[in-house]
């Protein structure tokens, strides 16, 4: 399984990637929309982990491009805010499968990536 982590904070992205790799998941990191779209043009991804609050960039645009480029790919959104805490993210993003806090334990994130990544079409 291949996962793409789209996260502006390098240390957090590397932490998540290390945990995913330890569990046999190939993980790539993009720090913004340009890197993310370039990687999606090169490789197929089953699941994306996207920080909803990318530095001055649109996480929804990344998810939208993923739905176009890899229609079966699922998206786990992470955030450190209460924005979209009402669940409305699932109305705006058809490929969203989970919405969690940025401080979710990495082991829990690995479990979600494994679960939803295996369910891709």
Foldseek 3Di string as FASTA:
>chain_A
DEEEEAAQDPVLQVVLCVLLVVVVYHYDYHPAQVRLLVVLVVDAAQEYEYECCRPVHHSLVSLVSCCVSPVQHAYEYEYQDCVCVVVCVCVSHVRYDYYYYSPDPSVVVSVVCVVRSVVTD
